[in-house]
Amino acid sequence: MTPAKKRDLGVAHAKGEILAFLDDDAYPDKNWLVHAMGHFQDSEVAAVAGPAVTPATDSIRQKASGEVYSSLLVSGGYGYRYYPKRQREVDDYPSCNFLVRKSVMEEMGGFNTDFWPGEDTKLCLEITKKLRKKIIYDPQVLVFHHRRPLFIPHLKQIASYALHRGFFVKKYPETSLRAAYFIPSIFLVTIMLGGSLSLFSPGTRSLYMFGLLCYCAIVFFAAVRKNPRLIPYVFLGIVLTHLAYGAYFIKGLCAKRLPEEGK
């Protein structure tokens, strides 16, 4: 049973007016609910979300995974999902830190999907586009989210995210057909084509090597801004994340269906 189905069971049995969702590897700050509840005084607010910060107690490789996720080179304009940023309205947010009116969930029939990950993308799309309600991101609505350690567990998660996002470009283009999601795939294709062409052209080879050096320098600069002990992990983690996301995003774009489609 997918997390979405399990959460739908919880929705059906819940008695309160506000439903609060966490992942099983996340836990809230002590003032999580206090900061969230004030937003529901506005009837136009259907849901409230906040950052999912890597706990200080995580292992070195878990912390490195968190640093990779929060890097501008990986999260781009979505860094607020991993560390506190200014308050804003959002239209797509992970359900690891998500509070929503029960009446809204009942109106939509719950998550009503077998997609995982991606159940939250579907939910947010229906809230913002179908119901025309608001989702508020508040940096004080904070949870701590244990990361999957670098490298294999982290990359498996990245691959799953990318696969679904690539597929959602076709299924839910309103929030998935965005340039930022295509960048890792463009990078991957450029690496492959550039490497092939450089075998036959010295001029292309020089340009290709210069581009790779510039890329490595940018990634290294991003890595050294973190904990010095994490530099090798973060550097390699960013590079492998770009490649894994790029490959699986293309796979998702080309897929005719994902698990939910085969129900």
C-alpha atoms as a PDB file:
ATOM      1  CA  MET A   1       0.000   0.000   0.000  1.00  0.00           C
ATOM      2  CA  THR A   2       1.440   3.368  -1.007  1.00  0.00           C
ATOM      3  CA  PRO A   3       1.831   6.269   1.448  1.00  0.00           C
ATOM      4  CA  ALA A   4      -1.024   8.080  -0.307  1.00  0.00           C
ATOM      5  CA  LYS A   5      -3.417   5.201   0.354  1.00  0.00           C
ATOM      6  CA  LYS A   6      -2.302   4.965   3.982  1.00  0.00           C
ATOM      7  CA  ARG A   7      -2.850   8.684   4.428  1.00  0.00           C
ATOM      8  CA  ASP A   8      -6.289   8.417   2.884  1.00  0.00           C
ATOM      9  CA  LEU A   9      -7.128   5.853   5.577  1.00  0.00           C
ATOM     10  CA  GLY A  10      -5.955   8.340   8.180  1.00  0.00           C
ATOM     11  CA  VAL A  11      -8.098  11.075   6.637  1.00  0.00           C
ATOM     12  CA  ALA A  12     -11.158   8.841   6.808  1.00  0.00           C
ATOM     13  CA  HIS A  13     -10.661   8.243  10.557  1.00  0.00           C
ATOM     14  CA  ALA A  14      -9.482  11.720  11.573  1.00  0.00           C
ATOM     15  CA  LYS A  15     -11.789  13.767  13.811  1.00  0.00           C
ATOM     16  CA  GLY A  16     -10.091  17.169  13.713  1.00  0.00           C
ATOM     17  CA  GLU A  17     -10.592  20.058  11.287  1.00  0.00           C
ATOM     18  CA  ILE A  18      -6.905  20.236  10.322  1.00  0.00           C
ATOM     19  CA  LEU A  19      -4.900  17.245   9.100  1.00  0.00           C
ATOM     20  CA  ALA A  20      -1.139  17.250   9.681  1.00  0.00           C
ATOM     21  CA  PHE A  21       1.123  15.071   7.545  1.00  0.00           C
ATOM     22  CA  LEU A  22       4.712  14.022   8.250  1.00  0.00           C
ATOM     23  CA  ASP A  23       6.914  11.292   6.823  1.00  0.00           C
ATOM     24  CA  ASP A  24       7.964   8.414   9.062  1.00  0.00           C
ATOM     25  CA  ASP A  25      11.527   9.772   9.038  1.00  0.00           C
ATOM     26  CA  ALA A  26      10.542  13.330  10.004  1.00  0.00           C
ATOM     27  CA  TYR A  27       9.631  14.977  13.309  1.00  0.00           C
ATOM     28  CA  PRO A  28       8.301  18.471  14.080  1.00  0.00           C
ATOM     29  CA  ASP A  29       9.762  21.424  15.906  1.00  0.00           C
ATOM     30  CA  LYS A  30       8.016  21.987  19.249  1.00  0.00           C
ATOM     31  CA  ASN A  31       6.228  25.090  17.906  1.00  0.00           C
ATOM     32  CA  TRP A  32       5.247  23.500  14.583  1.00  0.00           C
ATOM     33  CA  LEU A  33       1.502  23.510  15.159  1.00  0.00           C
ATOM     34  CA  VAL A  34       1.478  26.877  16.913  1.00  0.00           C
ATOM     35  CA  HIS A  35       2.991  28.623  13.900  1.00  0.00           C
ATOM     36  CA  ALA A  36       0.858  26.730  11.399  1.00  0.00           C
ATOM     37  CA  MET A  37      -2.564  27.192  12.929  1.00  0.00           C
ATOM     38  CA  GLY A  38      -2.654  30.970  12.649  1.00  0.00           C
ATOM     39  CA  HIS A  39      -2.715  30.775   8.852  1.00  0.00           C
ATOM     40  CA  PHE A  40      -5.983  28.863   8.880  1.00  0.00           C
ATOM     41  CA  GLN A  41      -7.769  31.961  10.185  1.00  0.00           C
ATOM     42  CA  ASP A  42      -7.839  32.973   6.513  1.00  0.00           C
ATOM     43  CA  SER A  43     -10.621  30.980   4.831  1.00  0.00           C
ATOM     44  CA  GLU A  44      -8.762  31.124   1.514  1.00  0.00           C
ATOM     45  CA  VAL A  45      -5.853  29.151   2.963  1.00  0.00           C
ATOM     46  CA  ALA A  46      -6.366  25.438   2.354  1.00  0.00           C
ATOM     47  CA  ALA A  47      -2.940  24.218   3.460  1.00  0.00           C
ATOM     48  CA  VAL A  48       0.255  25.250   5.207  1.00  0.00           C
ATOM     49  CA  ALA A  49       3.759  23.886   4.687  1.00  0.00           C
ATOM     50  CA  GLY A  50       7.288  24.564   5.888  1.00  0.00           C
ATOM     51  CA  PRO A  51      10.936  23.569   5.515  1.00  0.00           C
ATOM     52  CA  ALA A  52      12.242  20.064   6.198  1.00  0.00           C
ATOM     53  CA  VAL A  53      15.669  20.602   7.745  1.00  0.00           C
ATOM     54  CA  THR A  54      18.373  17.950   8.121  1.00  0.00           C
ATOM     55  CA  PRO A  55      18.755  17.112  11.856  1.00  0.00           C
ATOM     56  CA  ALA A  56      22.072  17.857  13.549  1.00  0.00           C
ATOM     57  CA  THR A  57      22.113  14.247  14.795  1.00  0.00           C
ATOM     58  CA  ASP A  58      22.229  12.743  11.293  1.00  0.00           C
ATOM     59  CA  SER A  59      25.370  10.905  10.183  1.00  0.00           C
ATOM     60  CA  ILE A  60      28.046  12.512   8.000  1.00  0.00           C
ATOM     61  CA  ARG A  61      26.682  10.908   4.852  1.00  0.00           C
ATOM     62  CA  GLN A  62      23.120  11.890   5.757  1.00  0.00           C
ATOM     63  CA  LYS A  63      24.198  15.473   6.386  1.00  0.00           C
ATOM     64  CA  ALA A  64      26.018  15.459   3.057  1.00  0.00           C
ATOM     65  CA  SER A  65      22.805  14.338   1.363  1.00  0.00           C
ATOM     66  CA  GLY A  66      20.983  17.217   3.040  1.00  0.00           C
ATOM     67  CA  GLU A  67      23.638  19.654   1.835  1.00  0.00           C
ATOM     68  CA  VAL A  68      23.286  18.334  -1.701  1.00  0.00           C
ATOM     69  CA  TYR A  69      19.524  18.816  -1.613  1.00  0.00           C
ATOM     70  CA  SER A  70      19.818  22.339  -0.210  1.00  0.00           C
ATOM     71  CA  SER A  71      22.520  23.397  -2.695  1.00  0.00           C
ATOM     72  CA  LEU A  72      21.527  26.045  -5.213  1.00  0.00           C
ATOM     73  CA  LEU A  73      22.974  23.757  -7.891  1.00  0.00           C
ATOM     74  CA  VAL A  74      20.452  21.041  -7.042  1.00  0.00           C
ATOM     75  CA  SER A  75      17.375  22.714  -5.562  1.00  0.00           C
ATOM     76  CA  GLY A  76      17.628  25.937  -7.570  1.00  0.00           C
ATOM     77  CA  GLY A  77      14.754  28.190  -6.588  1.00  0.00           C
ATOM     78  CA  TYR A  78      13.261  25.488  -4.359  1.00  0.00           C
ATOM     79  CA  GLY A  79      15.844  25.725  -1.599  1.00  0.00           C
ATOM     80  CA  TYR A  80      13.153  26.918   0.797  1.00  0.00           C
ATOM     81  CA  ARG A  81      12.022  23.316   1.030  1.00  0.00           C
ATOM     82  CA  TYR A  82      15.239  22.394   2.851  1.00  0.00           C
ATOM     83  CA  TYR A  83      16.013  25.449   4.973  1.00  0.00           C
ATOM     84  CA  PRO A  84      13.935  28.414   6.204  1.00  0.00           C
ATOM     85  CA  LYS A  85      13.346  31.203   3.684  1.00  0.00           C
ATOM     86  CA  ARG A  86      10.809  34.007   3.423  1.00  0.00           C
ATOM     87  CA  GLN A  87       7.087  33.261   3.678  1.00  0.00           C
ATOM     88  CA  ARG A  88       5.319  32.775   0.340  1.00  0.00           C
ATOM     89  CA  GLU A  89       2.497  31.054  -1.516  1.00  0.00           C
ATOM     90  CA  VAL A  90       3.434  27.782  -3.226  1.00  0.00           C
ATOM     91  CA  ASP A  91       1.661  25.509  -5.683  1.00  0.00           C
ATOM     92  CA  ASP A  92       3.656  22.281  -5.226  1.00  0.00           C
ATOM     93  CA  TYR A  93       5.058  21.031  -1.930  1.00  0.00           C
ATOM     94  CA  PRO A  94       6.235  17.727  -0.402  1.00  0.00           C
ATOM     95  CA  SER A  95       3.873  16.084   2.056  1.00  0.00           C
ATOM     96  CA  CYS A  96       6.663  15.421   4.569  1.00  0.00           C
ATOM     97  CA  ASN A  97       5.591  18.725   6.167  1.00  0.00           C
ATOM     98  CA  PHE A  98       2.054  19.565   5.160  1.00  0.00           C
ATOM     99  CA  LEU A  99      -1.081  20.638   7.026  1.00  0.00           C
ATOM    100  CA  VAL A 100      -4.424  20.838   5.244  1.00  0.00           C
ATOM    101  CA  ARG A 101      -8.089  21.357   6.064  1.00  0.00           C
ATOM    102  CA  LYS A 102      -9.996  18.084   6.369  1.00  0.00           C
ATOM    103  CA  SER A 103     -12.904  19.629   4.476  1.00  0.00           C
ATOM    104  CA  VAL A 104     -10.571  20.255   1.528  1.00  0.00           C
ATOM    105  CA  MET A 105      -9.320  16.665   1.541  1.00  0.00           C
ATOM    106  CA  GLU A 106     -12.872  15.365   1.677  1.00  0.00           C
ATOM    107  CA  GLU A 107     -13.919  17.617  -1.193  1.00  0.00           C
ATOM    108  CA  MET A 108     -11.099  16.218  -3.329  1.00  0.00           C
ATOM    109  CA  GLY A 109     -11.637  12.619  -2.243  1.00  0.00           C
ATOM    110  CA  GLY A 110      -8.291  12.463  -0.425  1.00  0.00           C
ATOM    111  CA  PHE A 111      -5.020  11.912  -2.232  1.00  0.00           C
ATOM    112  CA  ASN A 112      -6.864   9.418  -4.424  1.00  0.00           C
ATOM    113  CA  THR A 113      -3.739   8.156  -6.192  1.00  0.00           C
ATOM    114  CA  ASP A 114      -1.174   5.367  -6.195  1.00  0.00           C
ATOM    115  CA  PHE A 115       1.646   7.656  -7.294  1.00  0.00           C
ATOM    116  CA  TRP A 116       4.616   7.669  -4.950  1.00  0.00           C
ATOM    117  CA  PRO A 117       6.436   9.934  -4.960  1.00  0.00           C
ATOM    118  CA  GLY A 118       4.266  12.556  -6.593  1.00  0.00           C
ATOM    119  CA  GLU A 119       1.049  12.150  -4.615  1.00  0.00           C
ATOM    120  CA  ASP A 120       1.709  15.578  -3.126  1.00  0.00           C
ATOM    121  CA  THR A 121       2.103  17.177  -6.576  1.00  0.00           C
ATOM    122  CA  LYS A 122      -1.343  15.911  -7.542  1.00  0.00           C
ATOM    123  CA  LEU A 123      -2.845  17.114  -4.257  1.00  0.00           C
ATOM    124  CA  CYS A 124      -1.320  20.599  -4.481  1.00  0.00           C
ATOM    125  CA  LEU A 125      -2.389  20.957  -8.090  1.00  0.00           C
ATOM    126  CA  GLU A 126      -6.002  20.244  -7.173  1.00  0.00           C
ATOM    127  CA  ILE A 127      -5.878  22.666  -4.225  1.00  0.00           C
ATOM    128  CA  THR A 128      -4.426  25.576  -6.185  1.00  0.00           C
ATOM    129  CA  LYS A 129      -5.834  25.065  -9.686  1.00  0.00           C
ATOM    130  CA  LYS A 130      -9.112  23.238  -9.144  1.00  0.00           C
ATOM    131  CA  LEU A 131     -10.284  24.673  -5.817  1.00  0.00           C
ATOM    132  CA  ARG A 132      -8.431  28.002  -6.281  1.00  0.00           C
ATOM    133  CA  LYS A 133      -7.245  27.926  -2.677  1.00  0.00           C
ATOM    134  CA  LYS A 134      -3.895  28.967  -1.178  1.00  0.00           C
ATOM    135  CA  ILE A 135      -0.990  26.921   0.131  1.00  0.00           C
ATOM    136  CA  ILE A 136       1.185  28.996   2.459  1.00  0.00           C
ATOM    137  CA  TYR A 137       4.848  28.264   3.100  1.00  0.00           C
ATOM    138  CA  ASP A 138       5.960  29.520   6.509  1.00  0.00           C
ATOM    139  CA  PRO A 139       9.632  29.116   7.524  1.00  0.00           C
ATOM    140  CA  GLN A 140       8.600  28.723  11.167  1.00  0.00           C
ATOM    141  CA  VAL A 141       6.421  25.682  10.375  1.00  0.00           C
ATOM    142  CA  LEU A 142       9.544  23.603  10.722  1.00  0.00           C
ATOM    143  CA  VAL A 143      10.186  19.874  10.747  1.00  0.00           C
ATOM    144  CA  PHE A 144      13.414  17.873  10.877  1.00  0.00           C
ATOM    145  CA  HIS A 145      13.767  15.295   8.132  1.00  0.00           C
ATOM    146  CA  HIS A 146      16.345  12.501   8.284  1.00  0.00           C
ATOM    147  CA  ARG A 147      18.108  12.136   4.919  1.00  0.00           C
ATOM    148  CA  ARG A 148      18.978   9.034   2.988  1.00  0.00           C
ATOM    149  CA  PRO A 149      22.772   8.741   3.115  1.00  0.00           C
ATOM    150  CA  LEU A 150      25.047   9.246   0.168  1.00  0.00           C
ATOM    151  CA  PHE A 151      25.476   7.600  -2.159  1.00  0.00           C
ATOM    152  CA  ILE A 152      23.232   4.712  -3.252  1.00  0.00           C
ATOM    153  CA  PRO A 153      20.151   5.387  -1.042  1.00  0.00           C
ATOM    154  CA  HIS A 154      20.285   9.090  -1.919  1.00  0.00           C
ATOM    155  CA  LEU A 155      20.604   8.417  -5.654  1.00  0.00           C
ATOM    156  CA  LYS A 156      17.758   5.891  -5.617  1.00  0.00           C
ATOM    157  CA  GLN A 157      15.519   8.579  -4.118  1.00  0.00           C
ATOM    158  CA  ILE A 158      16.709  11.130  -6.684  1.00  0.00           C
ATOM    159  CA  ALA A 159      15.993   8.679  -9.511  1.00  0.00           C
ATOM    160  CA  SER A 160      12.462   8.089  -8.243  1.00  0.00           C
ATOM    161  CA  TYR A 161      11.781  11.827  -7.952  1.00  0.00           C
ATOM    162  CA  ALA A 162      13.126  12.441 -11.450  1.00  0.00           C
ATOM    163  CA  LEU A 163      11.199   9.572 -13.022  1.00  0.00           C
ATOM    164  CA  HIS A 164       7.892  10.867 -11.689  1.00  0.00           C
ATOM    165  CA  ARG A 165       8.647  14.505 -12.443  1.00  0.00           C
ATOM    166  CA  GLY A 166       9.499  13.624 -16.028  1.00  0.00           C
ATOM    167  CA  PHE A 167       6.223  11.731 -16.371  1.00  0.00           C
ATOM    168  CA  PHE A 168       4.313  14.537 -14.666  1.00  0.00           C
ATOM    169  CA  VAL A 169       5.527  16.983 -17.322  1.00  0.00           C
ATOM    170  CA  LYS A 170       2.955  15.272 -19.540  1.00  0.00           C
ATOM    171  CA  LYS A 171       0.323  14.429 -16.934  1.00  0.00           C
ATOM    172  CA  TYR A 172       0.442  17.554 -14.733  1.00  0.00           C
ATOM    173  CA  PRO A 173       2.162  20.227 -16.859  1.00  0.00           C
ATOM    174  CA  GLU A 174       0.703  23.083 -14.817  1.00  0.00           C
ATOM    175  CA  THR A 175       3.331  22.590 -12.111  1.00  0.00           C
ATOM    176  CA  SER A 176       5.828  20.198 -13.723  1.00  0.00           C
ATOM    177  CA  LEU A 177       6.468  21.760 -17.149  1.00  0.00           C
ATOM    178  CA  ARG A 178       9.094  24.130 -15.790  1.00  0.00           C
ATOM    179  CA  ALA A 179      12.538  24.874 -17.186  1.00  0.00           C
ATOM    180  CA  ALA A 180      14.387  24.090 -13.940  1.00  0.00           C
ATOM    181  CA  TYR A 181      13.368  20.422 -14.100  1.00  0.00           C
ATOM    182  CA  PHE A 182      14.917  20.032 -17.566  1.00  0.00           C
ATOM    183  CA  ILE A 183      18.367  21.426 -16.728  1.00  0.00           C
ATOM    184  CA  PRO A 184      19.963  18.175 -15.426  1.00  0.00           C
ATOM    185  CA  SER A 185      18.823  16.326 -18.563  1.00  0.00           C
ATOM    186  CA  ILE A 186      20.223  19.055 -20.800  1.00  0.00           C
ATOM    187  CA  PHE A 187      23.475  18.800 -18.852  1.00  0.00           C
ATOM    188  CA  LEU A 188      23.573  15.015 -19.261  1.00  0.00           C
ATOM    189  CA  VAL A 189      22.918  15.170 -23.010  1.00  0.00           C
ATOM    190  CA  THR A 190      25.558  17.884 -23.392  1.00  0.00           C
ATOM    191  CA  ILE A 191      28.118  15.751 -21.544  1.00  0.00           C
ATOM    192  CA  MET A 192      27.384  12.752 -23.750  1.00  0.00           C
ATOM    193  CA  LEU A 193      27.305  14.599 -27.059  1.00  0.00           C
ATOM    194  CA  GLY A 194      30.292  16.775 -26.189  1.00  0.00           C
ATOM    195  CA  GLY A 195      32.325  13.745 -25.191  1.00  0.00           C
ATOM    196  CA  SER A 196      31.490  11.981 -28.446  1.00  0.00           C
ATOM    197  CA  LEU A 197      32.236  14.990 -30.655  1.00  0.00           C
ATOM    198  CA  SER A 198      35.486  15.735 -28.839  1.00  0.00           C
ATOM    199  CA  LEU A 199      36.862  12.397 -30.001  1.00  0.00           C
ATOM    200  CA  PHE A 200      36.907  13.659 -33.605  1.00  0.00           C
ATOM    201  CA  SER A 201      37.680  17.361 -33.219  1.00  0.00           C
ATOM    202  CA  PRO A 202      40.605  18.872 -31.270  1.00  0.00           C
ATOM    203  CA  GLY A 203      38.805  22.237 -31.156  1.00  0.00           C
ATOM    204  CA  THR A 204      35.679  20.659 -29.739  1.00  0.00           C
ATOM    205  CA  ARG A 205      37.808  18.675 -27.287  1.00  0.00           C
ATOM    206  CA  SER A 206      39.404  21.819 -25.906  1.00  0.00           C
ATOM    207  CA  LEU A 207      36.048  23.548 -25.550  1.00  0.00           C
ATOM    208  CA  TYR A 208      34.576  20.441 -23.954  1.00  0.00           C
ATOM    209  CA  MET A 209      37.372  20.131 -21.406  1.00  0.00           C
ATOM    210  CA  PHE A 210      37.142  23.822 -20.582  1.00  0.00           C
ATOM    211  CA  GLY A 211      33.409  23.448 -19.981  1.00  0.00           C
ATOM    212  CA  LEU A 212      33.970  20.454 -17.701  1.00  0.00           C
ATOM    213  CA  LEU A 213      36.603  22.328 -15.711  1.00  0.00           C
ATOM    214  CA  CYS A 214      34.248  25.294 -15.280  1.00  0.00           C
ATOM    215  CA  TYR A 215      31.480  22.956 -14.123  1.00  0.00           C
ATOM    216  CA  CYS A 216      33.784  21.222 -11.634  1.00  0.00           C
ATOM    217  CA  ALA A 217      34.983  24.581 -10.318  1.00  0.00           C
ATOM    218  CA  ILE A 218      31.392  25.747  -9.752  1.00  0.00           C
ATOM    219  CA  VAL A 219      30.476  22.507  -7.982  1.00  0.00           C
ATOM    220  CA  PHE A 220      33.624  22.667  -5.849  1.00  0.00           C
ATOM    221  CA  PHE A 221      32.835  26.249  -4.848  1.00  0.00           C
ATOM    222  CA  ALA A 222      29.349  25.127  -3.820  1.00  0.00           C
ATOM    223  CA  ALA A 223      30.823  22.244  -1.812  1.00  0.00           C
ATOM    224  CA  VAL A 224      33.448  24.271   0.080  1.00  0.00           C
ATOM    225  CA  ARG A 225      30.752  26.557   1.438  1.00  0.00           C
ATOM    226  CA  LYS A 226      29.575  23.615   3.542  1.00  0.00           C
ATOM    227  CA  ASN A 227      31.186  21.730   6.427  1.00  0.00           C
ATOM    228  CA  PRO A 228      34.836  21.028   5.394  1.00  0.00           C
ATOM    229  CA  ARG A 229      34.434  17.377   6.359  1.00  0.00           C
ATOM    230  CA  LEU A 230      31.608  17.089   3.838  1.00  0.00           C
ATOM    231  CA  ILE A 231      33.400  18.572   0.812  1.00  0.00           C
ATOM    232  CA  PRO A 232      34.228  15.282  -1.001  1.00  0.00           C
ATOM    233  CA  TYR A 233      30.753  13.884  -0.331  1.00  0.00           C
ATOM    234  CA  VAL A 234      28.927  17.038  -1.375  1.00  0.00           C
ATOM    235  CA  PHE A 235      31.054  17.562  -4.494  1.00  0.00           C
ATOM    236  CA  LEU A 236      30.539  14.034  -5.791  1.00  0.00           C
ATOM    237  CA  GLY A 237      26.953  14.007  -4.531  1.00  0.00           C
ATOM    238  CA  ILE A 238      26.019  17.076  -6.591  1.00  0.00           C
ATOM    239  CA  VAL A 239      27.624  15.648  -9.740  1.00  0.00           C
ATOM    240  CA  LEU A 240      25.960  12.239  -9.379  1.00  0.00           C
ATOM    241  CA  THR A 241      22.630  13.862  -8.491  1.00  0.00           C
ATOM    242  CA  HIS A 242      22.734  15.878 -11.728  1.00  0.00           C
ATOM    243  CA  LEU A 243      23.489  12.777 -13.776  1.00  0.00           C
ATOM    244  CA  ALA A 244      20.931  10.527 -12.063  1.00  0.00           C
ATOM    245  CA  TYR A 245      18.176  13.113 -12.182  1.00  0.00           C
ATOM    246  CA  GLY A 246      18.935  13.913 -15.806  1.00  0.00           C
ATOM    247  CA  ALA A 247      18.772  10.274 -16.892  1.00  0.00           C
ATOM    248  CA  TYR A 248      15.618   9.339 -14.989  1.00  0.00           C
ATOM    249  CA  PHE A 249      13.806  12.544 -15.929  1.00  0.00           C
ATOM    250  CA  ILE A 250      14.275  11.575 -19.591  1.00  0.00           C
ATOM    251  CA  LYS A 251      13.051   8.068 -18.775  1.00  0.00           C
ATOM    252  CA  GLY A 252       9.938   9.563 -17.188  1.00  0.00           C
ATOM    253  CA  LEU A 253       9.353  11.800 -20.208  1.00  0.00           C
ATOM    254  CA  CYS A 254       9.463   8.750 -22.456  1.00  0.00           C
ATOM    255  CA  ALA A 255       7.341   6.504 -20.224  1.00  0.00           C
ATOM    256  CA  LYS A 256       3.820   5.692 -21.366  1.00  0.00           C
ATOM    257  CA  ARG A 257       2.707   4.926 -17.838  1.00  0.00           C
ATOM    258  CA  LEU A 258       3.939   4.660 -14.263  1.00  0.00           C
ATOM    259  CA  PRO A 259       2.602   2.331 -11.511  1.00  0.00           C
ATOM    260  CA  GLU A 260      -0.646   4.236 -10.920  1.00  0.00           C
ATOM    261  CA  GLU A 261      -1.498   4.005 -14.619  1.00  0.00           C
ATOM    262  CA  GLY A 262      -1.422   0.242 -14.436  1.00  0.00           C
ATOM    263  CA  LYS A 263      -3.993  -0.133 -11.653  1.00  0.00           C
END
